[in-house]
Amino acid sequence: MSDAVENALVFTARHFRDVWVAREPIGNGATFDPAALDTRRVDLFRDREALPVTGGDSTFIYARAVGAGRTLTWRDLTRRPLVRKGDLVEVSISDGRLRVTMKGLALESGAQGDTVNVQNPDTRKRFAAVVTHENQVQVRF
């Protein structure tokens, strides 16, 4: 019988990054503005939801109110809608060099790149279109 010695090594991994922290209370719907935020260095393995300073830009708004001193998360932000439910939008349909535009009624709100349902005000027919710009959507084939 041999005298085997067992050794165990314990490692702790950490991944530190700067994250955004609210300097003062921020209201729901406010535009994301890094100038109104502070940074804090955190271990992303412990605080996985924290929003790194490389995340977020002016295309985001706050989806909920954030208290002063709280670390921001991706759940605190949402993309700013360029099309809002109930608004008249410009609908463009293009195929090669042919481009047709018309007005449509947005049945949903959406950010850039989102697909929303739109209704033709004259025929009441519904169709899907992709949000491209403020109050503009495009039907893609």
N, C-alpha and C. Protein backbone atom coordinates (compact mmCIF):
# COMPACT_ATOMS: atom_id res chain seq x y z
N MET A 1 0.83 -1.16 0.00
CA MET A 1 0.00 0.00 0.00
C MET A 1 0.89 1.24 0.00
N SER A 2 0.58 2.18 -0.87
CA SER A 2 1.42 3.36 -0.95
C SER A 2 0.78 4.51 -0.17
N ASP A 3 1.63 5.39 0.26
CA ASP A 3 1.14 6.57 0.97
C ASP A 3 0.98 7.71 -0.04
N ALA A 4 -0.22 7.79 -0.66
CA ALA A 4 -0.50 8.83 -1.65
C ALA A 4 -0.92 10.11 -0.95
N VAL A 5 -0.41 11.19 -1.43
CA VAL A 5 -0.73 12.49 -0.86
C VAL A 5 -1.60 13.23 -1.89
N GLU A 6 -2.73 13.66 -1.45
CA GLU A 6 -3.62 14.41 -2.34
C GLU A 6 -3.48 15.90 -2.03
N ASN A 7 -3.33 16.64 -3.09
CA ASN A 7 -3.24 18.09 -2.96
C ASN A 7 -4.40 18.71 -3.70
N ALA A 8 -4.92 19.74 -3.19
CA ALA A 8 -5.99 20.46 -3.85
C ALA A 8 -5.60 21.94 -3.93
N LEU A 9 -5.79 22.49 -5.09
CA LEU A 9 -5.55 23.91 -5.29
C LEU A 9 -6.89 24.59 -5.52
N VAL A 10 -7.10 25.70 -4.90
CA VAL A 10 -8.32 26.46 -5.08
C VAL A 10 -7.95 27.77 -5.75
N PHE A 11 -8.64 28.03 -6.87
CA PHE A 11 -8.40 29.27 -7.61
C PHE A 11 -9.66 30.12 -7.58
N THR A 12 -9.46 31.39 -7.55
CA THR A 12 -10.57 32.34 -7.64
C THR A 12 -10.32 33.20 -8.88
N ALA A 13 -11.30 33.16 -9.78
CA ALA A 13 -11.18 33.96 -11.00
C ALA A 13 -11.97 35.26 -10.84
N ARG A 14 -11.41 36.31 -11.36
CA ARG A 14 -12.07 37.61 -11.34
C ARG A 14 -11.87 38.30 -12.69
N HIS A 15 -12.84 39.07 -13.05
CA HIS A 15 -12.78 39.81 -14.31
C HIS A 15 -13.30 41.23 -14.03
N PHE A 16 -12.39 42.14 -13.81
CA PHE A 16 -12.76 43.51 -13.44
C PHE A 16 -12.95 44.37 -14.68
N ARG A 17 -14.03 45.15 -14.68
CA ARG A 17 -14.32 46.10 -15.75
C ARG A 17 -14.98 47.33 -15.15
N ASP A 18 -14.86 48.44 -15.84
CA ASP A 18 -15.58 49.64 -15.44
C ASP A 18 -17.02 49.53 -15.94
N VAL A 19 -17.96 49.88 -15.07
CA VAL A 19 -19.39 49.83 -15.42
C VAL A 19 -20.03 51.18 -15.12
N TRP A 20 -21.22 51.41 -15.69
CA TRP A 20 -21.94 52.65 -15.48
C TRP A 20 -22.71 52.61 -14.17
N VAL A 21 -22.68 53.73 -13.44
CA VAL A 21 -23.41 53.89 -12.19
C VAL A 21 -24.16 55.22 -12.25
N ALA A 22 -25.42 55.21 -11.83
CA ALA A 22 -26.23 56.44 -11.84
C ALA A 22 -25.70 57.42 -10.79
N ARG A 23 -25.38 58.62 -11.22
CA ARG A 23 -24.89 59.65 -10.30
C ARG A 23 -26.05 60.21 -9.47
N GLU A 24 -27.21 60.36 -10.11
CA GLU A 24 -28.42 60.86 -9.46
C GLU A 24 -29.60 60.07 -10.01
N PRO A 25 -30.78 60.17 -9.40
CA PRO A 25 -31.92 59.39 -9.91
C PRO A 25 -32.22 59.73 -11.37
N ILE A 26 -32.56 58.69 -12.14
CA ILE A 26 -32.85 58.85 -13.57
C ILE A 26 -34.26 58.33 -13.80
N GLY A 27 -35.07 59.12 -14.49
CA GLY A 27 -36.47 58.76 -14.73
C GLY A 27 -36.66 57.84 -15.91
N ASN A 28 -37.75 57.11 -15.87
CA ASN A 28 -38.14 56.22 -16.96
C ASN A 28 -38.33 57.05 -18.24
N GLY A 29 -37.78 56.59 -19.36
CA GLY A 29 -37.93 57.27 -20.65
C GLY A 29 -36.84 58.28 -20.95
N ALA A 30 -35.98 58.58 -20.00
CA ALA A 30 -34.89 59.53 -20.24
C ALA A 30 -33.89 58.95 -21.23
N THR A 31 -33.26 59.79 -22.02
CA THR A 31 -32.26 59.35 -22.98
C THR A 31 -30.97 58.98 -22.26
N PHE A 32 -30.35 57.90 -22.68
CA PHE A 32 -29.08 57.46 -22.10
C PHE A 32 -28.03 58.51 -22.41
N ASP A 33 -27.39 59.04 -21.35
CA ASP A 33 -26.37 60.08 -21.49
C ASP A 33 -25.20 59.77 -20.56
N PRO A 34 -24.06 59.31 -21.10
CA PRO A 34 -22.90 58.99 -20.25
C PRO A 34 -22.42 60.15 -19.40
N ALA A 35 -22.68 61.39 -19.81
CA ALA A 35 -22.24 62.55 -19.04
C ALA A 35 -22.94 62.63 -17.69
N ALA A 36 -24.10 61.98 -17.56
CA ALA A 36 -24.85 62.01 -16.30
C ALA A 36 -24.54 60.80 -15.42
N LEU A 37 -23.52 60.03 -15.80
CA LEU A 37 -23.20 58.79 -15.09
C LEU A 37 -21.78 58.81 -14.55
N ASP A 38 -21.54 58.00 -13.56
CA ASP A 38 -20.21 57.77 -13.03
C ASP A 38 -19.79 56.35 -13.40
N THR A 39 -18.53 56.02 -13.16
CA THR A 39 -18.06 54.66 -13.40
C THR A 39 -17.59 54.04 -12.09
N ARG A 40 -17.64 52.73 -12.06
CA ARG A 40 -17.18 51.98 -10.91
C ARG A 40 -16.55 50.69 -11.45
N ARG A 41 -15.48 50.24 -10.83
CA ARG A 41 -14.82 49.01 -11.24
C ARG A 41 -15.43 47.86 -10.45
N VAL A 42 -15.97 46.86 -11.16
CA VAL A 42 -16.60 45.71 -10.50
C VAL A 42 -16.09 44.41 -11.12
N ASP A 43 -16.29 43.33 -10.39
CA ASP A 43 -15.97 41.99 -10.87
C ASP A 43 -17.19 41.49 -11.64
N LEU A 44 -17.07 41.36 -12.95
CA LEU A 44 -18.20 40.94 -13.78
C LEU A 44 -18.61 39.49 -13.51
N PHE A 45 -17.76 38.70 -12.91
CA PHE A 45 -18.16 37.35 -12.54
C PHE A 45 -19.13 37.38 -11.35
N ARG A 46 -19.03 38.41 -10.52
CA ARG A 46 -19.94 38.54 -9.38
C ARG A 46 -21.16 39.39 -9.72
N ASP A 47 -20.97 40.39 -10.57
CA ASP A 47 -22.05 41.31 -10.95
C ASP A 47 -22.28 41.18 -12.45
N ARG A 48 -22.83 40.05 -12.86
CA ARG A 48 -22.94 39.70 -14.29
C ARG A 48 -23.86 40.60 -15.09
N GLU A 49 -24.82 41.22 -14.44
CA GLU A 49 -25.79 42.05 -15.14
C GLU A 49 -25.30 43.47 -15.39
N ALA A 50 -24.18 43.86 -14.78
CA ALA A 50 -23.69 45.24 -14.88
C ALA A 50 -23.41 45.63 -16.33
N LEU A 51 -23.73 46.88 -16.65
CA LEU A 51 -23.53 47.42 -17.99
C LEU A 51 -22.14 48.02 -18.12
N PRO A 52 -21.24 47.40 -18.92
CA PRO A 52 -19.88 47.94 -19.09
C PRO A 52 -19.92 49.32 -19.74
N VAL A 53 -18.91 50.12 -19.49
CA VAL A 53 -18.85 51.47 -20.06
C VAL A 53 -18.77 51.45 -21.58
N THR A 54 -18.47 50.32 -22.17
CA THR A 54 -18.46 50.20 -23.63
C THR A 54 -19.87 49.99 -24.17
N GLY A 55 -20.85 49.78 -23.30
CA GLY A 55 -22.22 49.54 -23.73
C GLY A 55 -23.08 50.78 -23.60
N GLY A 56 -24.09 50.88 -24.45
CA GLY A 56 -25.03 51.99 -24.39
C GLY A 56 -24.58 53.16 -25.24
N ASP A 57 -25.55 53.81 -25.88
CA ASP A 57 -25.31 55.02 -26.66
C ASP A 57 -26.62 55.81 -26.73
N SER A 58 -26.66 56.85 -27.53
CA SER A 58 -27.83 57.74 -27.56
C SER A 58 -29.05 57.10 -28.21
N THR A 59 -28.93 55.89 -28.76
CA THR A 59 -30.10 55.21 -29.33
C THR A 59 -30.90 54.50 -28.24
N PHE A 60 -30.44 54.55 -26.99
CA PHE A 60 -31.12 53.90 -25.88
C PHE A 60 -31.81 54.91 -24.99
N ILE A 61 -32.91 54.46 -24.37
CA ILE A 61 -33.58 55.22 -23.33
C ILE A 61 -33.74 54.31 -22.11
N TYR A 62 -34.06 54.90 -20.99
CA TYR A 62 -34.23 54.11 -19.78
C TYR A 62 -35.61 53.45 -19.79
N ALA A 63 -35.63 52.14 -19.62
CA ALA A 63 -36.87 51.38 -19.60
C ALA A 63 -37.55 51.45 -18.24
N ARG A 64 -36.82 51.86 -17.24
CA ARG A 64 -37.35 51.99 -15.88
C ARG A 64 -36.50 53.01 -15.13
N ALA A 65 -37.06 53.51 -14.04
CA ALA A 65 -36.33 54.48 -13.22
C ALA A 65 -35.15 53.81 -12.53
N VAL A 66 -34.07 54.57 -12.37
CA VAL A 66 -32.86 54.07 -11.74
C VAL A 66 -32.50 55.01 -10.59
N GLY A 67 -32.25 54.43 -9.42
CA GLY A 67 -31.90 55.23 -8.25
C GLY A 67 -30.44 55.66 -8.26
N ALA A 68 -30.15 56.71 -7.54
CA ALA A 68 -28.78 57.22 -7.44
C ALA A 68 -27.88 56.18 -6.81
N GLY A 69 -26.67 56.03 -7.38
CA GLY A 69 -25.69 55.10 -6.85
C GLY A 69 -25.86 53.66 -7.31
N ARG A 70 -26.91 53.38 -8.10
CA ARG A 70 -27.14 52.01 -8.54
C ARG A 70 -26.40 51.72 -9.83
N THR A 71 -25.83 50.52 -9.92
CA THR A 71 -25.16 50.06 -11.13
C THR A 71 -26.20 49.79 -12.20
N LEU A 72 -25.96 50.30 -13.42
CA LEU A 72 -26.89 50.07 -14.52
C LEU A 72 -26.75 48.65 -15.06
N THR A 73 -27.86 48.11 -15.56
CA THR A 73 -27.87 46.80 -16.23
C THR A 73 -28.52 46.98 -17.59
N TRP A 74 -28.38 45.98 -18.45
CA TRP A 74 -29.02 46.04 -19.76
C TRP A 74 -30.54 46.07 -19.62
N ARG A 75 -31.07 45.52 -18.53
CA ARG A 75 -32.52 45.54 -18.32
C ARG A 75 -33.03 46.95 -18.02
N ASP A 76 -32.14 47.86 -17.64
CA ASP A 76 -32.53 49.25 -17.39
C ASP A 76 -32.71 50.04 -18.67
N LEU A 77 -32.20 49.53 -19.79
CA LEU A 77 -32.23 50.25 -21.06
C LEU A 77 -33.07 49.53 -22.10
N THR A 78 -33.58 50.30 -23.03
CA THR A 78 -34.26 49.77 -24.19
C THR A 78 -33.95 50.68 -25.37
N ARG A 79 -34.07 50.16 -26.58
CA ARG A 79 -33.81 50.99 -27.75
C ARG A 79 -34.91 52.05 -27.88
N ARG A 80 -34.51 53.26 -28.23
CA ARG A 80 -35.46 54.36 -28.41
C ARG A 80 -36.33 54.06 -29.63
N PRO A 81 -37.66 54.05 -29.45
CA PRO A 81 -38.52 53.77 -30.60
C PRO A 81 -38.48 54.91 -31.61
N LEU A 82 -38.32 54.57 -32.87
CA LEU A 82 -38.35 55.56 -33.94
C LEU A 82 -39.75 55.66 -34.54
N VAL A 83 -40.54 54.61 -34.32
CA VAL A 83 -41.92 54.56 -34.77
C VAL A 83 -42.77 54.27 -33.55
N ARG A 84 -43.85 55.02 -33.37
CA ARG A 84 -44.73 54.81 -32.21
C ARG A 84 -46.12 54.37 -32.67
N LYS A 85 -46.70 53.49 -31.90
CA LYS A 85 -48.03 52.98 -32.18
C LYS A 85 -49.01 54.14 -32.34
N GLY A 86 -49.80 54.09 -33.43
CA GLY A 86 -50.80 55.13 -33.69
C GLY A 86 -50.31 56.25 -34.56
N ASP A 87 -49.01 56.34 -34.83
CA ASP A 87 -48.47 57.40 -35.68
C ASP A 87 -48.59 57.06 -37.15
N LEU A 88 -48.74 58.11 -37.98
CA LEU A 88 -48.67 57.92 -39.43
C LEU A 88 -47.20 57.86 -39.80
N VAL A 89 -46.86 56.86 -40.59
CA VAL A 89 -45.47 56.66 -41.00
C VAL A 89 -45.38 56.64 -42.52
N GLU A 90 -44.18 56.93 -43.02
CA GLU A 90 -43.93 56.83 -44.46
C GLU A 90 -43.47 55.41 -44.74
N VAL A 91 -44.19 54.74 -45.63
CA VAL A 91 -43.88 53.37 -46.01
C VAL A 91 -43.23 53.40 -47.37
N SER A 92 -42.08 52.77 -47.51
CA SER A 92 -41.45 52.69 -48.83
C SER A 92 -41.31 51.22 -49.22
N ILE A 93 -41.55 51.01 -50.49
CA ILE A 93 -41.42 49.68 -51.09
C ILE A 93 -40.54 49.86 -52.31
N SER A 94 -39.45 49.10 -52.37
CA SER A 94 -38.56 49.26 -53.52
C SER A 94 -38.19 47.90 -54.09
N ASP A 95 -38.01 47.93 -55.40
CA ASP A 95 -37.58 46.74 -56.12
C ASP A 95 -36.69 47.22 -57.26
N GLY A 96 -35.39 47.05 -57.08
CA GLY A 96 -34.45 47.58 -58.08
C GLY A 96 -34.51 49.09 -58.08
N ARG A 97 -34.76 49.68 -59.26
CA ARG A 97 -34.82 51.14 -59.38
C ARG A 97 -36.21 51.70 -59.11
N LEU A 98 -37.21 50.83 -58.97
CA LEU A 98 -38.57 51.26 -58.70
C LEU A 98 -38.78 51.44 -57.20
N ARG A 99 -39.32 52.61 -56.82
CA ARG A 99 -39.59 52.87 -55.41
C ARG A 99 -40.96 53.52 -55.29
N VAL A 100 -41.79 52.95 -54.44
CA VAL A 100 -43.14 53.45 -54.20
C VAL A 100 -43.23 53.83 -52.72
N THR A 101 -43.82 55.00 -52.45
CA THR A 101 -44.01 55.41 -51.06
C THR A 101 -45.49 55.67 -50.82
N MET A 102 -45.90 55.48 -49.57
CA MET A 102 -47.28 55.73 -49.17
C MET A 102 -47.29 56.00 -47.67
N LYS A 103 -48.42 56.41 -47.17
CA LYS A 103 -48.58 56.61 -45.73
C LYS A 103 -49.22 55.35 -45.14
N GLY A 104 -48.84 55.06 -43.89
CA GLY A 104 -49.41 53.92 -43.19
C GLY A 104 -49.57 54.25 -41.72
N LEU A 105 -50.42 53.49 -41.04
CA LEU A 105 -50.66 53.67 -39.62
C LEU A 105 -49.89 52.60 -38.86
N ALA A 106 -48.97 53.04 -38.01
CA ALA A 106 -48.18 52.09 -37.21
C ALA A 106 -49.08 51.45 -36.16
N LEU A 107 -49.11 50.12 -36.14
CA LEU A 107 -49.92 49.38 -35.17
C LEU A 107 -49.09 48.97 -33.95
N GLU A 108 -47.77 49.20 -34.04
CA GLU A 108 -46.85 48.87 -32.95
C GLU A 108 -45.74 49.91 -32.91
N SER A 109 -45.11 50.03 -31.79
CA SER A 109 -43.91 50.86 -31.67
C SER A 109 -42.70 50.00 -31.99
N GLY A 110 -41.63 50.62 -32.52
CA GLY A 110 -40.43 49.86 -32.84
C GLY A 110 -39.20 50.73 -32.98
N ALA A 111 -38.06 50.13 -32.66
CA ALA A 111 -36.76 50.78 -32.81
C ALA A 111 -36.19 50.43 -34.19
N GLN A 112 -35.07 51.05 -34.54
CA GLN A 112 -34.44 50.79 -35.83
C GLN A 112 -34.14 49.31 -35.97
N GLY A 113 -34.56 48.73 -37.12
CA GLY A 113 -34.33 47.32 -37.39
C GLY A 113 -35.45 46.40 -36.94
N ASP A 114 -36.36 46.91 -36.11
CA ASP A 114 -37.50 46.10 -35.66
C ASP A 114 -38.52 45.96 -36.78
N THR A 115 -39.22 44.84 -36.79
CA THR A 115 -40.33 44.63 -37.71
C THR A 115 -41.62 44.97 -36.97
N VAL A 116 -42.43 45.85 -37.56
CA VAL A 116 -43.68 46.28 -36.95
C VAL A 116 -44.82 46.05 -37.93
N ASN A 117 -46.02 45.92 -37.40
CA ASN A 117 -47.22 45.81 -38.24
C ASN A 117 -47.71 47.21 -38.57
N VAL A 118 -48.09 47.40 -39.84
CA VAL A 118 -48.56 48.68 -40.34
C VAL A 118 -49.87 48.43 -41.06
N GLN A 119 -50.76 49.42 -41.03
CA GLN A 119 -52.04 49.29 -41.70
C GLN A 119 -52.19 50.37 -42.76
N ASN A 120 -52.66 49.97 -43.95
CA ASN A 120 -52.97 50.92 -45.01
C ASN A 120 -54.25 51.64 -44.58
N PRO A 121 -54.23 52.98 -44.41
CA PRO A 121 -55.43 53.68 -43.93
C PRO A 121 -56.62 53.60 -44.89
N ASP A 122 -56.36 53.44 -46.18
CA ASP A 122 -57.45 53.40 -47.16
C ASP A 122 -58.10 52.02 -47.23
N THR A 123 -57.30 50.97 -47.33
CA THR A 123 -57.84 49.62 -47.53
C THR A 123 -57.95 48.83 -46.23
N ARG A 124 -57.35 49.34 -45.16
CA ARG A 124 -57.33 48.67 -43.85
C ARG A 124 -56.54 47.35 -43.85
N LYS A 125 -55.81 47.09 -44.92
CA LYS A 125 -54.98 45.88 -44.97
C LYS A 125 -53.74 46.08 -44.11
N ARG A 126 -53.35 44.99 -43.44
CA ARG A 126 -52.17 45.03 -42.56
C ARG A 126 -51.00 44.33 -43.23
N PHE A 127 -49.80 44.82 -42.93
CA PHE A 127 -48.59 44.21 -43.46
C PHE A 127 -47.43 44.51 -42.53
N ALA A 128 -46.36 43.75 -42.68
CA ALA A 128 -45.17 43.92 -41.85
C ALA A 128 -44.15 44.79 -42.58
N ALA A 129 -43.47 45.63 -41.82
CA ALA A 129 -42.43 46.50 -42.39
C ALA A 129 -41.32 46.68 -41.36
N VAL A 130 -40.12 47.00 -41.85
CA VAL A 130 -38.95 47.17 -40.99
C VAL A 130 -38.72 48.66 -40.74
N VAL A 131 -38.51 49.02 -39.48
CA VAL A 131 -38.25 50.42 -39.11
C VAL A 131 -36.86 50.80 -39.61
N THR A 132 -36.78 51.90 -40.37
CA THR A 132 -35.50 52.33 -40.92
C THR A 132 -35.03 53.66 -40.34
N HIS A 133 -35.95 54.60 -40.14
CA HIS A 133 -35.63 55.92 -39.61
C HIS A 133 -36.83 56.43 -38.79
N GLU A 134 -36.71 57.64 -38.29
CA GLU A 134 -37.81 58.26 -37.54
C GLU A 134 -39.06 58.34 -38.43
N ASN A 135 -40.13 57.68 -38.01
CA ASN A 135 -41.41 57.64 -38.72
C ASN A 135 -41.30 57.12 -40.15
N GLN A 136 -40.33 56.23 -40.40
CA GLN A 136 -40.18 55.62 -41.72
C GLN A 136 -40.00 54.12 -41.58
N VAL A 137 -40.71 53.38 -42.44
CA VAL A 137 -40.59 51.93 -42.48
C VAL A 137 -40.42 51.49 -43.92
N GLN A 138 -39.93 50.27 -44.10
CA GLN A 138 -39.70 49.76 -45.45
C GLN A 138 -40.23 48.33 -45.52
N VAL A 139 -40.96 48.05 -46.59
CA VAL A 139 -41.44 46.70 -46.85
C VAL A 139 -40.34 46.00 -47.62
N ARG A 140 -39.93 44.85 -47.13
CA ARG A 140 -38.86 44.09 -47.78
C ARG A 140 -39.41 42.80 -48.33
N PHE A 141 -38.93 42.44 -49.52
CA PHE A 141 -39.38 41.19 -50.16
C PHE A 141 -38.37 40.10 -49.93
